[in-house]
Every structure is written in structure tokens, then in C-alpha cells.
Amino acid sequence: MKKIAILTIALIFSGCSASRVDDIKQHAEETWNKNGFKVIGYEGYEFGFFGTFGGKVWYIVEKDSTIFHGALTKWGDEYHTYDLSAINAIKAN
């Protein structure tokens, strides 16, 4: 009985995370554009553990001729960018 309860709770929370990932995807281009980025590629997604942070959706984006790898997540009713890193930036010594 305990295993069934744990599995049921895990499935419920995983479903919440999955629906948030879908929501993030629907608002991704708008969110990136508001932050000055243009979406040029999609990389994938990850569900949040038991619904935490609603998961992340990874994109390749561009701003001022610099290409970045980064993720969007949803916290409450806000979308946030995370883990931005430049792909084609020139490293200064």
C-alpha cells in the first residue's frame, strides 16, 4: 500500500511538471524576445523533480550577434531565464 501511495504522488507531481513544461514552450519566444533575444533553436527539456520549478526548457538564442545556450523555467506566474552561456563569444585574455 505504501508503494502505491508513493507512486501515485510521484505521478501527480510529474504531471504538474509536464504541464508546466508545455506552458513554458508556449510562452518561450515571447519571453526570450522581451529579454532582447531571438530564438534560433530548441534543445530539449527536463522535468522538475516532483514538480519543483516546473522543469526547464533549453534553447539556442541570439542577441547582438552572440549566440547563447540557455533555459527558461516558470516560477509562480513568471518566466525566468537560467544558465545562459555564450557559445560563440571571443574569450579575452
PDB file of N, CA and C in Angstrom:
ATOM      1  N   MET A   1       0.820  -1.193   0.000  1.00  0.00           N
ATOM      2  CA  MET A   1       0.000   0.000   0.000  1.00  0.00           C
ATOM      3  C   MET A   1       0.864   1.257   0.000  1.00  0.00           C
ATOM      4  N   LYS A   2       1.954   1.243   0.761  1.00  0.00           N
ATOM      5  CA  LYS A   2       2.843   2.398   0.843  1.00  0.00           C
ATOM      6  C   LYS A   2       3.468   2.696  -0.517  1.00  0.00           C
ATOM      7  N   LYS A   3       3.864   1.639  -1.257  1.00  0.00           N
ATOM      8  CA  LYS A   3       4.465   1.827  -2.575  1.00  0.00           C
ATOM      9  C   LYS A   3       3.468   2.439  -3.547  1.00  0.00           C
ATOM     10  N   ILE A   4       2.239   2.037  -3.473  1.00  0.00           N
ATOM     11  CA  ILE A   4       1.204   2.587  -4.352  1.00  0.00           C
ATOM     12  C   ILE A   4       0.996   4.073  -4.060  1.00  0.00           C
ATOM     13  N   ALA A   5       0.977   4.440  -2.794  1.00  0.00           N
ATOM     14  CA  ALA A   5       0.799   5.842  -2.417  1.00  0.00           C
ATOM     15  C   ALA A   5       1.963   6.691  -2.927  1.00  0.00           C
ATOM     16  N   ILE A   6       3.178   6.194  -2.772  1.00  0.00           N
ATOM     17  CA  ILE A   6       4.364   6.928  -3.231  1.00  0.00           C
ATOM     18  C   ILE A   6       4.338   7.075  -4.753  1.00  0.00           C
ATOM     19  N   LEU A   7       3.994   6.004  -5.461  1.00  0.00           N
ATOM     20  CA  LEU A   7       3.923   6.053  -6.922  1.00  0.00           C
ATOM     21  C   LEU A   7       2.844   7.026  -7.383  1.00  0.00           C
ATOM     22  N   THR A   8       1.703   7.019  -6.721  1.00  0.00           N
ATOM     23  CA  THR A   8       0.615   7.931  -7.077  1.00  0.00           C
ATOM     24  C   THR A   8       1.032   9.384  -6.887  1.00  0.00           C
ATOM     25  N   ILE A   9       1.662   9.683  -5.775  1.00  0.00           N
ATOM     26  CA  ILE A   9       2.128  11.049  -5.516  1.00  0.00           C
ATOM     27  C   ILE A   9       3.169  11.465  -6.557  1.00  0.00           C
ATOM     28  N   ALA A  10       4.094  10.577  -6.885  1.00  0.00           N
ATOM     29  CA  ALA A  10       5.119  10.881  -7.886  1.00  0.00           C
ATOM     30  C   ALA A  10       4.493  11.172  -9.247  1.00  0.00           C
ATOM     31  N   LEU A  11       3.509  10.394  -9.634  1.00  0.00           N
ATOM     32  CA  LEU A  11       2.843  10.607 -10.926  1.00  0.00           C
ATOM     33  C   LEU A  11       2.072  11.925 -10.955  1.00  0.00           C
ATOM     34  N   ILE A  12       1.432  12.248  -9.859  1.00  0.00           N
ATOM     35  CA  ILE A  12       0.690  13.508  -9.787  1.00  0.00           C
ATOM     36  C   ILE A  12       1.630  14.692  -9.964  1.00  0.00           C
ATOM     37  N   PHE A  13       2.735  14.686  -9.214  1.00  0.00           N
ATOM     38  CA  PHE A  13       3.669  15.797  -9.304  1.00  0.00           C
ATOM     39  C   PHE A  13       4.403  15.827 -10.642  1.00  0.00           C
ATOM     40  N   SER A  14       4.696  14.676 -11.218  1.00  0.00           N
ATOM     41  CA  SER A  14       5.335  14.644 -12.527  1.00  0.00           C
ATOM     42  C   SER A  14       4.411  15.228 -13.581  1.00  0.00           C
ATOM     43  N   GLY A  15       3.144  14.947 -13.483  1.00  0.00           N
ATOM     44  CA  GLY A  15       2.171  15.509 -14.414  1.00  0.00           C
ATOM     45  C   GLY A  15       2.120  17.007 -14.323  1.00  0.00           C
ATOM     46  N   CYS A  16       2.212  17.551 -13.123  1.00  0.00           N
ATOM     47  CA  CYS A  16       2.228  19.006 -12.948  1.00  0.00           C
ATOM     48  C   CYS A  16       3.449  19.593 -13.636  1.00  0.00           C
ATOM     49  N   SER A  17       4.580  18.954 -13.477  1.00  0.00           N
ATOM     50  CA  SER A  17       5.803  19.432 -14.099  1.00  0.00           C
ATOM     51  C   SER A  17       5.676  19.371 -15.620  1.00  0.00           C
ATOM     52  N   ALA A  18       5.088  18.309 -16.143  1.00  0.00           N
ATOM     53  CA  ALA A  18       4.922  18.164 -17.589  1.00  0.00           C
ATOM     54  C   ALA A  18       4.037  19.269 -18.148  1.00  0.00           C
ATOM     55  N   SER A  19       2.970  19.608 -17.461  1.00  0.00           N
ATOM     56  CA  SER A  19       2.089  20.662 -17.959  1.00  0.00           C
ATOM     57  C   SER A  19       2.787  22.017 -17.910  1.00  0.00           C
ATOM     58  N   ARG A  20       3.658  22.229 -16.933  1.00  0.00           N
ATOM     59  CA  ARG A  20       4.405  23.483 -16.866  1.00  0.00           C
ATOM     60  C   ARG A  20       5.426  23.580 -17.993  1.00  0.00           C
ATOM     61  N   VAL A  21       6.037  22.469 -18.349  1.00  0.00           N
ATOM     62  CA  VAL A  21       6.975  22.468 -19.472  1.00  0.00           C
ATOM     63  C   VAL A  21       6.234  22.850 -20.752  1.00  0.00           C
ATOM     64  N   ASP A  22       5.049  22.312 -20.966  1.00  0.00           N
ATOM     65  CA  ASP A  22       4.250  22.684 -22.134  1.00  0.00           C
ATOM     66  C   ASP A  22       3.919  24.169 -22.124  1.00  0.00           C
ATOM     67  N   ASP A  23       3.589  24.700 -20.959  1.00  0.00           N
ATOM     68  CA  ASP A  23       3.284  26.123 -20.832  1.00  0.00           C
ATOM     69  C   ASP A  23       4.515  26.977 -21.139  1.00  0.00           C
ATOM     70  N   ILE A  24       5.674  26.566 -20.653  1.00  0.00           N
ATOM     71  CA  ILE A  24       6.919  27.296 -20.922  1.00  0.00           C
ATOM     72  C   ILE A  24       7.175  27.331 -22.422  1.00  0.00           C
ATOM     73  N   LYS A  25       6.994  26.198 -23.100  1.00  0.00           N
ATOM     74  CA  LYS A  25       7.203  26.136 -24.547  1.00  0.00           C
ATOM     75  C   LYS A  25       6.284  27.116 -25.276  1.00  0.00           C
ATOM     76  N   GLN A  26       5.038  27.217 -24.831  1.00  0.00           N
ATOM     77  CA  GLN A  26       4.075  28.108 -25.483  1.00  0.00           C
ATOM     78  C   GLN A  26       4.457  29.581 -25.328  1.00  0.00           C
ATOM     79  N   HIS A  27       5.131  29.936 -24.260  1.00  0.00           N
ATOM     80  CA  HIS A  27       5.487  31.329 -23.995  1.00  0.00           C
ATOM     81  C   HIS A  27       6.976  31.630 -24.209  1.00  0.00           C
ATOM     82  N   ALA A  28       7.709  30.674 -24.729  1.00  0.00           N
ATOM     83  CA  ALA A  28       9.165  30.814 -24.840  1.00  0.00           C
ATOM     84  C   ALA A  28       9.590  31.960 -25.744  1.00  0.00           C
ATOM     85  N   GLU A  29       9.090  31.993 -26.965  1.00  0.00           N
ATOM     86  CA  GLU A  29       9.549  33.019 -27.901  1.00  0.00           C
ATOM     87  C   GLU A  29       9.225  34.420 -27.377  1.00  0.00           C
ATOM     88  N   GLU A  30       8.040  34.589 -26.854  1.00  0.00           N
ATOM     89  CA  GLU A  30       7.633  35.871 -26.272  1.00  0.00           C
ATOM     90  C   GLU A  30       8.557  36.267 -25.118  1.00  0.00           C
ATOM     91  N   THR A  31       8.873  35.322 -24.248  1.00  0.00           N
ATOM     92  CA  THR A  31       9.731  35.598 -23.090  1.00  0.00           C
ATOM     93  C   THR A  31      11.143  35.956 -23.518  1.00  0.00           C
ATOM     94  N   TRP A  32      11.725  35.174 -24.427  1.00  0.00           N
ATOM     95  CA  TRP A  32      13.070  35.481 -24.908  1.00  0.00           C
ATOM     96  C   TRP A  32      13.100  36.851 -25.590  1.00  0.00           C
ATOM     97  N   ASN A  33      12.077  37.133 -26.424  1.00  0.00           N
ATOM     98  CA  ASN A  33      12.024  38.422 -27.122  1.00  0.00           C
ATOM     99  C   ASN A  33      11.967  39.595 -26.149  1.00  0.00           C
ATOM    100  N   LYS A  34      11.205  39.457 -25.065  1.00  0.00           N
ATOM    101  CA  LYS A  34      11.118  40.525 -24.060  1.00  0.00           C
ATOM    102  C   LYS A  34      12.468  40.808 -23.420  1.00  0.00           C
ATOM    103  N   ASN A  35      13.334  39.810 -23.407  1.00  0.00           N
ATOM    104  CA  ASN A  35      14.665  39.960 -22.830  1.00  0.00           C
ATOM    105  C   ASN A  35      15.727  40.299 -23.880  1.00  0.00           C
ATOM    106  N   GLY A  36      15.268  40.605 -25.103  1.00  0.00           N
ATOM    107  CA  GLY A  36      16.190  41.033 -26.153  1.00  0.00           C
ATOM    108  C   GLY A  36      16.828  39.923 -26.955  1.00  0.00           C
ATOM    109  N   PHE A  37      16.354  38.695 -26.827  1.00  0.00           N
ATOM    110  CA  PHE A  37      16.921  37.553 -27.538  1.00  0.00           C
ATOM    111  C   PHE A  37      16.001  37.089 -28.666  1.00  0.00           C
ATOM    112  N   LYS A  38      16.605  36.463 -29.663  1.00  0.00           N
ATOM    113  CA  LYS A  38      15.848  35.832 -30.744  1.00  0.00           C
ATOM    114  C   LYS A  38      16.093  34.326 -30.654  1.00  0.00           C
ATOM    115  N   VAL A  39      15.023  33.545 -30.630  1.00  0.00           N
ATOM    116  CA  VAL A  39      15.154  32.086 -30.571  1.00  0.00           C
ATOM    117  C   VAL A  39      15.602  31.585 -31.942  1.00  0.00           C
ATOM    118  N   ILE A  40      16.708  30.833 -31.956  1.00  0.00           N
ATOM    119  CA  ILE A  40      17.181  30.255 -33.217  1.00  0.00           C
ATOM    120  C   ILE A  40      17.232  28.730 -33.173  1.00  0.00           C
ATOM    121  N   GLY A  41      16.955  28.143 -32.009  1.00  0.00           N
ATOM    122  CA  GLY A  41      16.946  26.694 -31.914  1.00  0.00           C
ATOM    123  C   GLY A  41      16.351  26.198 -30.608  1.00  0.00           C
ATOM    124  N   TYR A  42      15.911  24.964 -30.655  1.00  0.00           N
ATOM    125  CA  TYR A  42      15.334  24.285 -29.490  1.00  0.00           C
ATOM    126  C   TYR A  42      16.237  23.120 -29.136  1.00  0.00           C
ATOM    127  N   GLU A  43      16.544  22.957 -27.853  1.00  0.00           N
ATOM    128  CA  GLU A  43      17.447  21.876 -27.444  1.00  0.00           C
ATOM    129  C   GLU A  43      16.761  20.741 -26.693  1.00  0.00           C
ATOM    130  N   GLY A  44      15.702  21.021 -25.999  1.00  0.00           N
ATOM    131  CA  GLY A  44      15.030  19.971 -25.241  1.00  0.00           C
ATOM    132  C   GLY A  44      14.500  20.496 -23.926  1.00  0.00           C
ATOM    133  N   TYR A  45      14.117  19.576 -23.052  1.00  0.00           N
ATOM    134  CA  TYR A  45      13.527  19.964 -21.778  1.00  0.00           C
ATOM    135  C   TYR A  45      13.900  18.966 -20.706  1.00  0.00           C
ATOM    136  N   GLU A  46      13.664  19.358 -19.473  1.00  0.00           N
ATOM    137  CA  GLU A  46      13.807  18.447 -18.338  1.00  0.00           C
ATOM    138  C   GLU A  46      12.682  18.759 -17.362  1.00  0.00           C
ATOM    139  N   PHE A  47      12.082  17.725 -16.843  1.00  0.00           N
ATOM    140  CA  PHE A  47      11.036  17.921 -15.843  1.00  0.00           C
ATOM    141  C   PHE A  47      11.684  18.247 -14.514  1.00  0.00           C
ATOM    142  N   GLY A  48      10.983  19.024 -13.705  1.00  0.00           N
ATOM    143  CA  GLY A  48      11.460  19.301 -12.362  1.00  0.00           C
ATOM    144  C   GLY A  48      11.210  18.098 -11.474  1.00  0.00           C
ATOM    145  N   PHE A  49      12.064  17.876 -10.515  1.00  0.00           N
ATOM    146  CA  PHE A  49      11.896  16.764  -9.586  1.00  0.00           C
ATOM    147  C   PHE A  49      10.668  17.025  -8.728  1.00  0.00           C
ATOM    148  N   PHE A  50       9.679  16.166  -8.858  1.00  0.00           N
ATOM    149  CA  PHE A  50       8.411  16.298  -8.132  1.00  0.00           C
ATOM    150  C   PHE A  50       7.805  17.697  -8.311  1.00  0.00           C
ATOM    151  N   GLY A  51       7.929  18.229  -9.524  1.00  0.00           N
ATOM    152  CA  GLY A  51       7.275  19.493  -9.848  1.00  0.00           C
ATOM    153  C   GLY A  51       8.027  20.745  -9.444  1.00  0.00           C
ATOM    154  N   THR A  52       9.210  20.619  -8.860  1.00  0.00           N
ATOM    155  CA  THR A  52       9.925  21.818  -8.433  1.00  0.00           C
ATOM    156  C   THR A  52      10.326  22.644  -9.640  1.00  0.00           C
ATOM    157  N   PHE A  53      10.120  23.920  -9.569  1.00  0.00           N
ATOM    158  CA  PHE A  53      10.446  24.881 -10.613  1.00  0.00           C
ATOM    159  C   PHE A  53       9.744  24.600 -11.932  1.00  0.00           C
ATOM    160  N   GLY A  54       8.920  23.566 -12.013  1.00  0.00           N
ATOM    161  CA  GLY A  54       8.187  23.308 -13.237  1.00  0.00           C
ATOM    162  C   GLY A  54       9.025  22.802 -14.382  1.00  0.00           C
ATOM    163  N   GLY A  55      10.258  22.430 -14.141  1.00  0.00           N
ATOM    164  CA  GLY A  55      11.123  21.949 -15.203  1.00  0.00           C
ATOM    165  C   GLY A  55      11.796  23.100 -15.931  1.00  0.00           C
ATOM    166  N   LYS A  56      12.628  22.747 -16.898  1.00  0.00           N
ATOM    167  CA  LYS A  56      13.330  23.731 -17.723  1.00  0.00           C
ATOM    168  C   LYS A  56      13.192  23.340 -19.180  1.00  0.00           C
ATOM    169  N   VAL A  57      13.177  24.350 -20.046  1.00  0.00           N
ATOM    170  CA  VAL A  57      13.171  24.128 -21.482  1.00  0.00           C
ATOM    171  C   VAL A  57      14.380  24.869 -22.050  1.00  0.00           C
ATOM    172  N   TRP A  58      15.221  24.131 -22.782  1.00  0.00           N
ATOM    173  CA  TRP A  58      16.506  24.646 -23.254  1.00  0.00           C
ATOM    174  C   TRP A  58      16.419  25.144 -24.693  1.00  0.00           C
ATOM    175  N   TYR A  59      17.039  26.292 -24.952  1.00  0.00           N
ATOM    176  CA  TYR A  59      17.021  26.911 -26.281  1.00  0.00           C
ATOM    177  C   TYR A  59      18.398  27.419 -26.667  1.00  0.00           C
ATOM    178  N   ILE A  60      18.573  27.629 -27.977  1.00  0.00           N
ATOM    179  CA  ILE A  60      19.701  28.381 -28.515  1.00  0.00           C
ATOM    180  C   ILE A  60      19.103  29.718 -28.921  1.00  0.00           C
ATOM    181  N   VAL A  61      19.681  30.804 -28.409  1.00  0.00           N
ATOM    182  CA  VAL A  61      19.154  32.143 -28.671  1.00  0.00           C
ATOM    183  C   VAL A  61      20.293  33.057 -29.116  1.00  0.00           C
ATOM    184  N   GLU A  62      19.921  34.178 -29.733  1.00  0.00           N
ATOM    185  CA  GLU A  62      20.915  35.121 -30.233  1.00  0.00           C
ATOM    186  C   GLU A  62      20.576  36.531 -29.770  1.00  0.00           C
ATOM    187  N   LYS A  63      21.622  37.272 -29.441  1.00  0.00           N
ATOM    188  CA  LYS A  63      21.478  38.681 -29.062  1.00  0.00           C
ATOM    189  C   LYS A  63      22.747  39.408 -29.483  1.00  0.00           C
ATOM    190  N   ASP A  64      22.595  40.456 -30.281  1.00  0.00           N
ATOM    191  CA  ASP A  64      23.738  41.256 -30.740  1.00  0.00           C
ATOM    192  C   ASP A  64      24.844  40.392 -31.348  1.00  0.00           C
ATOM    193  N   SER A  65      24.466  39.482 -32.223  1.00  0.00           N
ATOM    194  CA  SER A  65      25.384  38.586 -32.948  1.00  0.00           C
ATOM    195  C   SER A  65      26.103  37.574 -32.062  1.00  0.00           C
ATOM    196  N   THR A  66      25.745  37.484 -30.811  1.00  0.00           N
ATOM    197  CA  THR A  66      26.305  36.463 -29.923  1.00  0.00           C
ATOM    198  C   THR A  66      25.248  35.386 -29.714  1.00  0.00           C
ATOM    199  N   ILE A  67      25.658  34.141 -29.826  1.00  0.00           N
ATOM    200  CA  ILE A  67      24.748  33.006 -29.684  1.00  0.00           C
ATOM    201  C   ILE A  67      24.913  32.408 -28.290  1.00  0.00           C
ATOM    202  N   PHE A  68      23.789  32.142 -27.654  1.00  0.00           N
ATOM    203  CA  PHE A  68      23.770  31.616 -26.294  1.00  0.00           C
ATOM    204  C   PHE A  68      23.006  30.298 -26.210  1.00  0.00           C
ATOM    205  N   HIS A  69      23.361  29.548 -25.215  1.00  0.00           N
ATOM    206  CA  HIS A  69      22.645  28.357 -24.794  1.00  0.00           C
ATOM    207  C   HIS A  69      22.006  28.746 -23.468  1.00  0.00           C
ATOM    208  N   GLY A  70      20.698  28.503 -23.293  1.00  0.00           N
ATOM    209  CA  GLY A  70      20.055  28.873 -22.039  1.00  0.00           C
ATOM    210  C   GLY A  70      18.717  28.193 -21.863  1.00  0.00           C
ATOM    211  N   ALA A  71      18.179  28.314 -20.672  1.00  0.00           N
ATOM    212  CA  ALA A  71      16.923  27.645 -20.337  1.00  0.00           C
ATOM    213  C   ALA A  71      15.908  28.642 -19.810  1.00  0.00           C
ATOM    214  N   LEU A  72      14.655  28.283 -19.969  1.00  0.00           N
ATOM    215  CA  LEU A  72      13.551  29.011 -19.357  1.00  0.00           C
ATOM    216  C   LEU A  72      12.890  28.102 -18.346  1.00  0.00           C
ATOM    217  N   THR A  73      12.399  28.690 -17.277  1.00  0.00           N
ATOM    218  CA  THR A  73      11.610  27.962 -16.303  1.00  0.00           C
ATOM    219  C   THR A  73      10.486  28.878 -15.838  1.00  0.00           C
ATOM    220  N   LYS A  74       9.509  28.311 -15.192  1.00  0.00           N
ATOM    221  CA  LYS A  74       8.382  29.099 -14.703  1.00  0.00           C
ATOM    222  C   LYS A  74       8.328  28.959 -13.187  1.00  0.00           C
ATOM    223  N   TRP A  75       8.244  30.093 -12.522  1.00  0.00           N
ATOM    224  CA  TRP A  75       8.114  30.127 -11.072  1.00  0.00           C
ATOM    225  C   TRP A  75       6.901  30.989 -10.769  1.00  0.00           C
ATOM    226  N   GLY A  76       5.870  30.391 -10.213  1.00  0.00           N
ATOM    227  CA  GLY A  76       4.619  31.111  -9.999  1.00  0.00           C
ATOM    228  C   GLY A  76       4.019  31.455 -11.346  1.00  0.00           C
ATOM    229  N   ASP A  77       3.808  32.738 -11.594  1.00  0.00           N
ATOM    230  CA  ASP A  77       3.279  33.151 -12.894  1.00  0.00           C
ATOM    231  C   ASP A  77       4.326  33.899 -13.718  1.00  0.00           C
ATOM    232  N   GLU A  78       5.609  33.751 -13.348  1.00  0.00           N
ATOM    233  CA  GLU A  78       6.687  34.432 -14.063  1.00  0.00           C
ATOM    234  C   GLU A  78       7.599  33.412 -14.757  1.00  0.00           C
ATOM    235  N   TYR A  79       8.127  33.829 -15.899  1.00  0.00           N
ATOM    236  CA  TYR A  79       9.090  33.019 -16.639  1.00  0.00           C
ATOM    237  C   TYR A  79      10.477  33.592 -16.387  1.00  0.00           C
ATOM    238  N   HIS A  80      11.454  32.724 -16.159  1.00  0.00           N
ATOM    239  CA  HIS A  80      12.809  33.156 -15.826  1.00  0.00           C
ATOM    240  C   HIS A  80      13.817  32.476 -16.746  1.00  0.00           C
ATOM    241  N   THR A  81      14.890  33.216 -17.091  1.00  0.00           N
ATOM    242  CA  THR A  81      15.987  32.629 -17.857  1.00  0.00           C
ATOM    243  C   THR A  81      17.043  32.109 -16.881  1.00  0.00           C
ATOM    244  N   TYR A  82      17.636  30.987 -17.239  1.00  0.00           N
ATOM    245  CA  TYR A  82      18.667  30.364 -16.400  1.00  0.00           C
ATOM    246  C   TYR A  82      19.797  29.833 -17.261  1.00  0.00           C
ATOM    247  N   ASP A  83      20.949  29.730 -16.662  1.00  0.00           N
ATOM    248  CA  ASP A  83      22.104  29.050 -17.249  1.00  0.00           C
ATOM    249  C   ASP A  83      22.500  29.580 -18.622  1.00  0.00           C
ATOM    250  N   LEU A  84      22.429  30.895 -18.815  1.00  0.00           N
ATOM    251  CA  LEU A  84      22.862  31.480 -20.088  1.00  0.00           C
ATOM    252  C   LEU A  84      24.374  31.367 -20.211  1.00  0.00           C
ATOM    253  N   SER A  85      24.820  30.854 -21.349  1.00  0.00           N
ATOM    254  CA  SER A  85      26.261  30.834 -21.615  1.00  0.00           C
ATOM    255  C   SER A  85      26.474  31.082 -23.101  1.00  0.00           C
ATOM    256  N   ALA A  86      27.418  31.937 -23.410  1.00  0.00           N
ATOM    257  CA  ALA A  86      27.715  32.294 -24.788  1.00  0.00           C
ATOM    258  C   ALA A  86      28.417  31.122 -25.477  1.00  0.00           C
ATOM    259  N   ILE A  87      28.014  30.868 -26.702  1.00  0.00           N
ATOM    260  CA  ILE A  87      28.604  29.771 -27.480  1.00  0.00           C
ATOM    261  C   ILE A  87      29.721  30.287 -28.384  1.00  0.00           C
ATOM    262  N   ASN A  88      29.502  31.450 -28.982  1.00  0.00           N
ATOM    263  CA  ASN A  88      30.469  31.943 -29.973  1.00  0.00           C
ATOM    264  C   ASN A  88      31.191  33.221 -29.543  1.00  0.00           C
ATOM    265  N   ALA A  89      31.227  33.504 -28.263  1.00  0.00           N
ATOM    266  CA  ALA A  89      31.907  34.708 -27.785  1.00  0.00           C
ATOM    267  C   ALA A  89      33.418  34.529 -27.855  1.00  0.00           C
ATOM    268  N   ILE A  90      34.102  35.617 -28.044  1.00  0.00           N
ATOM    269  CA  ILE A  90      35.568  35.588 -28.075  1.00  0.00           C
ATOM    270  C   ILE A  90      36.068  35.788 -26.651  1.00  0.00           C
ATOM    271  N   LYS A  91      36.936  34.907 -26.208  1.00  0.00           N
ATOM    272  CA  LYS A  91      37.473  34.999 -24.867  1.00  0.00           C
ATOM    273  C   LYS A  91      38.615  36.019 -24.818  1.00  0.00           C
ATOM    274  N   ALA A  92      38.503  36.975 -23.901  1.00  0.00           N
ATOM    275  CA  ALA A  92      39.556  37.976 -23.749  1.00  0.00           C
ATOM    276  C   ALA A  92      40.581  37.495 -22.712  1.00  0.00           C
ATOM    277  N   ASN A  93      41.828  37.777 -22.972  1.00  0.00           N
ATOM    278  CA  ASN A  93      42.878  37.382 -22.020  1.00  0.00           C
ATOM    279  C   ASN A  93      43.115  38.443 -20.994  1.00  0.00           C
TER     280      ASN A  93
END
